[in-house]
């Protein structure tokens, strides 16, 4: 079992969600996040003055999957989130020792493969 954490452009979220769904991954957690990286944030010009907004808005997805779904999830994210520009994001894969579904007490693959 793995947890896939992906930081993607907010503008690519709908495409990523659809690509994951097409690969049988219909549940994940996502949140709006801000970061600072090679792009060094955004700047805006107002009345001739340049303002540094400072941080870059992104979406973070956290997806818990059984081992069979790891590569399809990665492939779906890569195909749908990539623009070819700096700032497309990162994917991290983390081992999970155990998962427990709170409602039923089911564990591990049973906990993530049921409704």
N, C-alpha and C. Protein backbone atom coordinates (compact mmCIF):
# COMPACT_ATOMS: atom_id res chain seq x y z
N UNK A 1 0.85 -1.17 0.00
CA UNK A 1 0.00 0.00 0.00
C UNK A 1 0.88 1.22 0.00
N UNK A 2 0.44 2.22 -0.72
CA UNK A 2 1.22 3.45 -0.86
C UNK A 2 0.32 4.67 -0.70
N UNK A 3 0.94 5.76 -0.30
CA UNK A 3 0.28 7.05 -0.36
C UNK A 3 1.01 7.87 -1.40
N UNK A 4 0.27 8.34 -2.38
CA UNK A 4 0.84 9.18 -3.42
C UNK A 4 0.48 10.61 -3.09
N UNK A 5 1.50 11.45 -2.96
CA UNK A 5 1.29 12.87 -2.73
C UNK A 5 1.74 13.61 -3.97
N UNK A 6 0.85 14.36 -4.56
CA UNK A 6 1.17 15.09 -5.78
C UNK A 6 0.87 16.57 -5.59
N UNK A 7 1.83 17.40 -5.95
CA UNK A 7 1.64 18.84 -5.97
C UNK A 7 1.53 19.21 -7.44
N UNK A 8 0.39 19.80 -7.83
CA UNK A 8 0.14 20.11 -9.24
C UNK A 8 -0.34 21.55 -9.38
N UNK A 9 -0.34 22.03 -10.60
CA UNK A 9 -0.91 23.35 -10.90
C UNK A 9 -2.42 23.30 -10.63
N UNK A 10 -2.94 24.34 -10.03
CA UNK A 10 -4.38 24.41 -9.78
C UNK A 10 -5.17 24.32 -11.08
N UNK A 11 -4.62 24.89 -12.13
CA UNK A 11 -5.32 24.90 -13.42
C UNK A 11 -5.43 23.52 -14.05
N UNK A 12 -4.67 22.54 -13.57
CA UNK A 12 -4.70 21.19 -14.13
C UNK A 12 -5.48 20.20 -13.27
N UNK A 13 -6.09 20.70 -12.19
CA UNK A 13 -6.76 19.81 -11.24
C UNK A 13 -7.87 18.99 -11.89
N UNK A 14 -8.75 19.61 -12.66
CA UNK A 14 -9.87 18.87 -13.26
C UNK A 14 -9.38 17.77 -14.20
N UNK A 15 -8.33 18.05 -14.97
CA UNK A 15 -7.78 17.04 -15.87
C UNK A 15 -7.19 15.86 -15.09
N UNK A 16 -6.50 16.16 -14.00
CA UNK A 16 -5.91 15.11 -13.18
C UNK A 16 -7.01 14.26 -12.54
N UNK A 17 -8.04 14.93 -12.00
CA UNK A 17 -9.15 14.21 -11.38
C UNK A 17 -9.82 13.26 -12.39
N UNK A 18 -10.03 13.73 -13.59
CA UNK A 18 -10.66 12.90 -14.63
C UNK A 18 -9.75 11.73 -15.01
N UNK A 19 -8.46 11.98 -15.16
CA UNK A 19 -7.52 10.92 -15.51
C UNK A 19 -7.45 9.85 -14.43
N UNK A 20 -7.46 10.27 -13.17
CA UNK A 20 -7.46 9.29 -12.07
C UNK A 20 -8.74 8.46 -12.10
N UNK A 21 -9.87 9.11 -12.33
CA UNK A 21 -11.16 8.41 -12.39
C UNK A 21 -11.17 7.38 -13.50
N UNK A 22 -10.59 7.72 -14.65
CA UNK A 22 -10.52 6.78 -15.77
C UNK A 22 -9.68 5.55 -15.44
N UNK A 23 -8.82 5.66 -14.43
CA UNK A 23 -7.98 4.55 -13.99
C UNK A 23 -8.51 3.88 -12.73
N UNK A 24 -9.77 4.15 -12.39
CA UNK A 24 -10.40 3.48 -11.26
C UNK A 24 -10.08 4.08 -9.91
N UNK A 25 -9.51 5.28 -9.88
CA UNK A 25 -9.17 5.95 -8.63
C UNK A 25 -10.15 7.10 -8.46
N UNK A 26 -11.16 6.87 -7.64
CA UNK A 26 -12.25 7.84 -7.50
C UNK A 26 -12.32 8.47 -6.14
N UNK A 27 -11.31 8.26 -5.31
CA UNK A 27 -11.32 8.87 -3.99
C UNK A 27 -9.91 9.30 -3.62
N UNK A 28 -9.82 10.54 -3.18
CA UNK A 28 -8.55 11.09 -2.71
C UNK A 28 -8.85 12.37 -1.96
N UNK A 29 -7.86 12.84 -1.25
CA UNK A 29 -7.97 14.10 -0.52
C UNK A 29 -7.20 15.15 -1.29
N UNK A 30 -7.72 16.36 -1.34
CA UNK A 30 -6.99 17.43 -2.00
C UNK A 30 -7.16 18.72 -1.20
N UNK A 31 -6.19 19.58 -1.34
CA UNK A 31 -6.23 20.86 -0.64
C UNK A 31 -5.46 21.89 -1.45
N UNK A 32 -5.84 23.15 -1.25
CA UNK A 32 -5.09 24.23 -1.87
C UNK A 32 -3.88 24.51 -1.00
N UNK A 33 -2.72 24.59 -1.63
CA UNK A 33 -1.48 24.85 -0.90
C UNK A 33 -0.72 25.97 -1.62
N UNK A 34 0.25 26.52 -0.94
CA UNK A 34 1.14 27.51 -1.55
C UNK A 34 2.56 27.04 -1.37
N UNK A 35 3.40 27.36 -2.32
CA UNK A 35 4.78 26.94 -2.23
C UNK A 35 5.71 28.00 -2.77
N UNK A 36 6.98 27.70 -2.65
CA UNK A 36 8.01 28.59 -3.14
C UNK A 36 9.08 27.71 -3.76
N UNK A 37 9.37 27.93 -5.03
CA UNK A 37 10.33 27.08 -5.71
C UNK A 37 11.12 27.84 -6.73
N UNK A 38 11.49 27.15 -7.80
CA UNK A 38 12.33 27.73 -8.83
C UNK A 38 11.66 28.91 -9.54
N UNK A 39 10.34 28.94 -9.53
CA UNK A 39 9.64 30.04 -10.18
C UNK A 39 9.73 31.33 -9.38
N UNK A 40 10.01 31.24 -8.13
CA UNK A 40 10.19 32.40 -7.23
C UNK A 40 8.93 33.23 -7.07
N UNK A 41 7.79 32.63 -7.21
CA UNK A 41 6.54 33.34 -6.98
C UNK A 41 6.12 34.17 -8.18
N UNK A 42 5.00 34.83 -8.02
CA UNK A 42 4.46 35.65 -9.09
C UNK A 42 4.63 37.12 -8.74
N UNK A 43 4.69 37.94 -9.77
CA UNK A 43 4.72 39.38 -9.54
C UNK A 43 3.54 40.00 -10.27
N UNK A 44 3.01 41.05 -9.72
CA UNK A 44 1.93 41.81 -10.34
C UNK A 44 2.34 43.27 -10.41
N UNK A 45 1.91 43.94 -11.45
CA UNK A 45 2.20 45.35 -11.60
C UNK A 45 0.93 46.15 -11.38
N UNK A 46 1.00 47.13 -10.51
CA UNK A 46 -0.15 47.99 -10.23
C UNK A 46 0.34 49.43 -10.26
N UNK A 47 -0.20 50.20 -11.17
CA UNK A 47 0.17 51.60 -11.35
C UNK A 47 1.67 51.80 -11.47
N UNK A 48 2.27 50.93 -12.25
CA UNK A 48 3.70 51.05 -12.53
C UNK A 48 4.61 50.43 -11.50
N UNK A 49 4.10 50.02 -10.34
CA UNK A 49 4.92 49.41 -9.31
C UNK A 49 4.78 47.89 -9.41
N UNK A 50 5.89 47.16 -9.24
CA UNK A 50 5.89 45.70 -9.30
C UNK A 50 5.79 45.16 -7.87
N UNK A 51 4.80 44.31 -7.65
CA UNK A 51 4.58 43.70 -6.33
C UNK A 51 4.85 42.21 -6.43
N UNK A 52 5.62 41.71 -5.47
CA UNK A 52 5.92 40.29 -5.39
C UNK A 52 4.84 39.62 -4.55
N UNK A 53 4.04 38.75 -5.19
CA UNK A 53 3.00 38.04 -4.47
C UNK A 53 3.63 37.00 -3.55
N UNK A 54 4.81 36.51 -3.91
CA UNK A 54 5.61 35.68 -3.00
C UNK A 54 5.44 34.19 -3.13
N UNK A 55 4.24 33.69 -3.14
CA UNK A 55 4.05 32.24 -3.13
C UNK A 55 3.20 31.82 -4.31
N UNK A 56 3.37 30.58 -4.72
CA UNK A 56 2.69 30.04 -5.89
C UNK A 56 1.55 29.13 -5.43
N UNK A 57 0.35 29.38 -5.91
CA UNK A 57 -0.81 28.55 -5.55
C UNK A 57 -0.75 27.23 -6.31
N UNK A 58 -0.96 26.15 -5.58
CA UNK A 58 -0.97 24.80 -6.14
C UNK A 58 -2.04 23.97 -5.46
N UNK A 59 -2.28 22.77 -5.98
CA UNK A 59 -3.17 21.81 -5.35
C UNK A 59 -2.31 20.63 -4.90
N UNK A 60 -2.62 20.11 -3.71
CA UNK A 60 -1.95 18.91 -3.21
C UNK A 60 -2.97 17.80 -3.15
N UNK A 61 -2.65 16.68 -3.77
CA UNK A 61 -3.50 15.49 -3.74
C UNK A 61 -2.83 14.44 -2.88
N UNK A 62 -3.60 13.77 -2.05
CA UNK A 62 -3.13 12.64 -1.26
C UNK A 62 -4.01 11.45 -1.61
N UNK A 63 -3.39 10.42 -2.16
CA UNK A 63 -4.12 9.28 -2.68
C UNK A 63 -3.57 8.02 -2.03
N UNK A 64 -4.40 7.26 -1.32
CA UNK A 64 -3.99 5.98 -0.75
C UNK A 64 -4.46 4.87 -1.67
N UNK A 65 -3.52 4.04 -2.12
CA UNK A 65 -3.85 2.99 -3.08
C UNK A 65 -3.15 1.69 -2.73
N UNK A 66 -3.74 0.58 -3.20
CA UNK A 66 -3.05 -0.70 -3.10
C UNK A 66 -1.95 -0.70 -4.17
N UNK A 67 -1.02 -1.60 -4.04
CA UNK A 67 0.15 -1.62 -4.93
C UNK A 67 -0.22 -1.72 -6.41
N UNK A 68 -1.34 -2.37 -6.73
CA UNK A 68 -1.76 -2.52 -8.12
C UNK A 68 -2.12 -1.19 -8.77
N UNK A 69 -2.48 -0.18 -7.97
CA UNK A 69 -2.92 1.10 -8.51
C UNK A 69 -1.84 2.17 -8.51
N UNK A 70 -0.66 1.86 -7.99
CA UNK A 70 0.39 2.88 -7.88
C UNK A 70 0.82 3.39 -9.26
N UNK A 71 1.25 2.51 -10.14
CA UNK A 71 1.74 2.95 -11.44
C UNK A 71 0.64 3.58 -12.29
N UNK A 72 -0.58 3.02 -12.34
CA UNK A 72 -1.63 3.71 -13.09
C UNK A 72 -1.91 5.13 -12.57
N UNK A 73 -1.84 5.32 -11.26
CA UNK A 73 -2.07 6.65 -10.69
C UNK A 73 -0.95 7.61 -11.10
N UNK A 74 0.28 7.14 -11.01
CA UNK A 74 1.41 7.99 -11.40
C UNK A 74 1.31 8.36 -12.88
N UNK A 75 1.03 7.37 -13.72
CA UNK A 75 0.92 7.62 -15.16
C UNK A 75 -0.20 8.62 -15.46
N UNK A 76 -1.33 8.48 -14.76
CA UNK A 76 -2.46 9.39 -14.98
C UNK A 76 -2.09 10.82 -14.58
N UNK A 77 -1.42 10.97 -13.46
CA UNK A 77 -1.02 12.31 -13.01
C UNK A 77 -0.01 12.92 -13.98
N UNK A 78 0.99 12.14 -14.36
CA UNK A 78 2.00 12.65 -15.30
C UNK A 78 1.37 13.10 -16.62
N UNK A 79 0.50 12.28 -17.16
CA UNK A 79 -0.10 12.58 -18.46
C UNK A 79 -1.02 13.80 -18.41
N UNK A 80 -1.71 13.99 -17.31
CA UNK A 80 -2.71 15.06 -17.25
C UNK A 80 -2.21 16.35 -16.61
N UNK A 81 -1.15 16.29 -15.82
CA UNK A 81 -0.67 17.50 -15.14
C UNK A 81 0.48 18.18 -15.87
N UNK A 82 1.11 17.49 -16.78
CA UNK A 82 2.30 18.02 -17.44
C UNK A 82 1.96 19.08 -18.47
N UNK A 83 2.61 20.24 -18.33
CA UNK A 83 2.50 21.30 -19.35
C UNK A 83 3.83 21.49 -20.06
N UNK A 84 4.92 20.97 -19.46
CA UNK A 84 6.24 21.15 -20.02
C UNK A 84 6.94 22.40 -19.52
N UNK A 85 6.28 23.16 -18.70
CA UNK A 85 6.85 24.40 -18.15
C UNK A 85 7.37 24.15 -16.74
N UNK A 86 8.29 25.00 -16.29
CA UNK A 86 8.75 24.95 -14.90
C UNK A 86 7.55 25.14 -13.99
N UNK A 87 7.46 24.34 -12.93
CA UNK A 87 6.37 24.48 -11.98
C UNK A 87 5.24 23.49 -12.15
N UNK A 88 5.44 22.47 -12.99
CA UNK A 88 4.39 21.46 -13.17
C UNK A 88 4.13 20.67 -11.90
N UNK A 89 5.11 20.57 -11.00
CA UNK A 89 4.87 19.92 -9.72
C UNK A 89 5.76 18.72 -9.47
N UNK A 90 5.39 17.99 -8.43
CA UNK A 90 6.15 16.82 -7.98
C UNK A 90 5.18 15.73 -7.55
N UNK A 91 5.66 14.48 -7.60
CA UNK A 91 4.92 13.33 -7.09
C UNK A 91 5.83 12.60 -6.11
N UNK A 92 5.32 12.31 -4.92
CA UNK A 92 6.06 11.53 -3.93
C UNK A 92 5.25 10.28 -3.61
N UNK A 93 5.94 9.16 -3.48
CA UNK A 93 5.29 7.90 -3.13
C UNK A 93 5.84 7.45 -1.79
N UNK A 94 4.92 7.20 -0.84
CA UNK A 94 5.29 6.88 0.53
C UNK A 94 4.69 5.51 0.88
N UNK A 95 5.48 4.65 1.51
CA UNK A 95 4.98 3.36 1.98
C UNK A 95 4.02 3.56 3.14
N UNK A 96 2.95 2.78 3.16
CA UNK A 96 2.00 2.78 4.27
C UNK A 96 2.07 1.44 4.99
N UNK A 97 2.25 1.48 6.30
CA UNK A 97 2.32 0.25 7.07
C UNK A 97 0.94 -0.34 7.30
N UNK A 98 -0.03 0.54 7.56
CA UNK A 98 -1.37 0.06 7.86
C UNK A 98 -2.38 1.18 7.63
N UNK A 99 -3.56 0.79 7.19
CA UNK A 99 -4.69 1.71 7.02
C UNK A 99 -5.88 1.10 7.74
N UNK A 100 -6.61 1.91 8.49
CA UNK A 100 -7.80 1.43 9.19
C UNK A 100 -8.97 2.34 8.81
N UNK A 101 -10.04 1.74 8.31
CA UNK A 101 -11.25 2.51 8.01
C UNK A 101 -12.00 2.74 9.32
N UNK A 102 -12.26 3.97 9.64
CA UNK A 102 -12.85 4.32 10.93
C UNK A 102 -14.25 3.72 11.09
N UNK A 103 -15.10 3.84 10.09
CA UNK A 103 -16.49 3.39 10.20
C UNK A 103 -16.61 1.90 10.45
N UNK A 104 -15.82 1.10 9.70
CA UNK A 104 -16.00 -0.36 9.76
C UNK A 104 -14.91 -1.10 10.52
N UNK A 105 -13.76 -0.46 10.70
CA UNK A 105 -12.63 -1.14 11.32
C UNK A 105 -11.85 -2.00 10.34
N UNK A 106 -12.25 -2.00 9.06
CA UNK A 106 -11.51 -2.76 8.06
C UNK A 106 -10.09 -2.23 7.97
N UNK A 107 -9.17 -3.12 7.61
CA UNK A 107 -7.76 -2.75 7.58
C UNK A 107 -7.14 -2.99 6.21
N UNK A 108 -6.14 -2.20 5.94
CA UNK A 108 -5.28 -2.31 4.76
C UNK A 108 -6.07 -2.23 3.46
N UNK A 109 -5.83 -3.15 2.49
CA UNK A 109 -6.49 -3.05 1.18
C UNK A 109 -8.01 -3.05 1.32
N UNK A 110 -8.53 -3.79 2.29
CA UNK A 110 -9.99 -3.81 2.51
C UNK A 110 -10.51 -2.43 2.88
N UNK A 111 -9.70 -1.67 3.56
CA UNK A 111 -10.12 -0.33 4.00
C UNK A 111 -10.15 0.67 2.85
N UNK A 112 -9.33 0.48 1.83
CA UNK A 112 -9.31 1.44 0.73
C UNK A 112 -10.03 0.95 -0.51
N UNK A 113 -10.45 -0.30 -0.55
CA UNK A 113 -11.14 -0.84 -1.72
C UNK A 113 -12.64 -1.03 -1.50
N UNK A 114 -13.17 -0.43 -0.44
CA UNK A 114 -14.61 -0.57 -0.17
C UNK A 114 -15.25 0.81 -0.08
N UNK A 115 -16.58 0.82 -0.12
CA UNK A 115 -17.32 2.08 0.01
C UNK A 115 -17.70 2.29 1.45
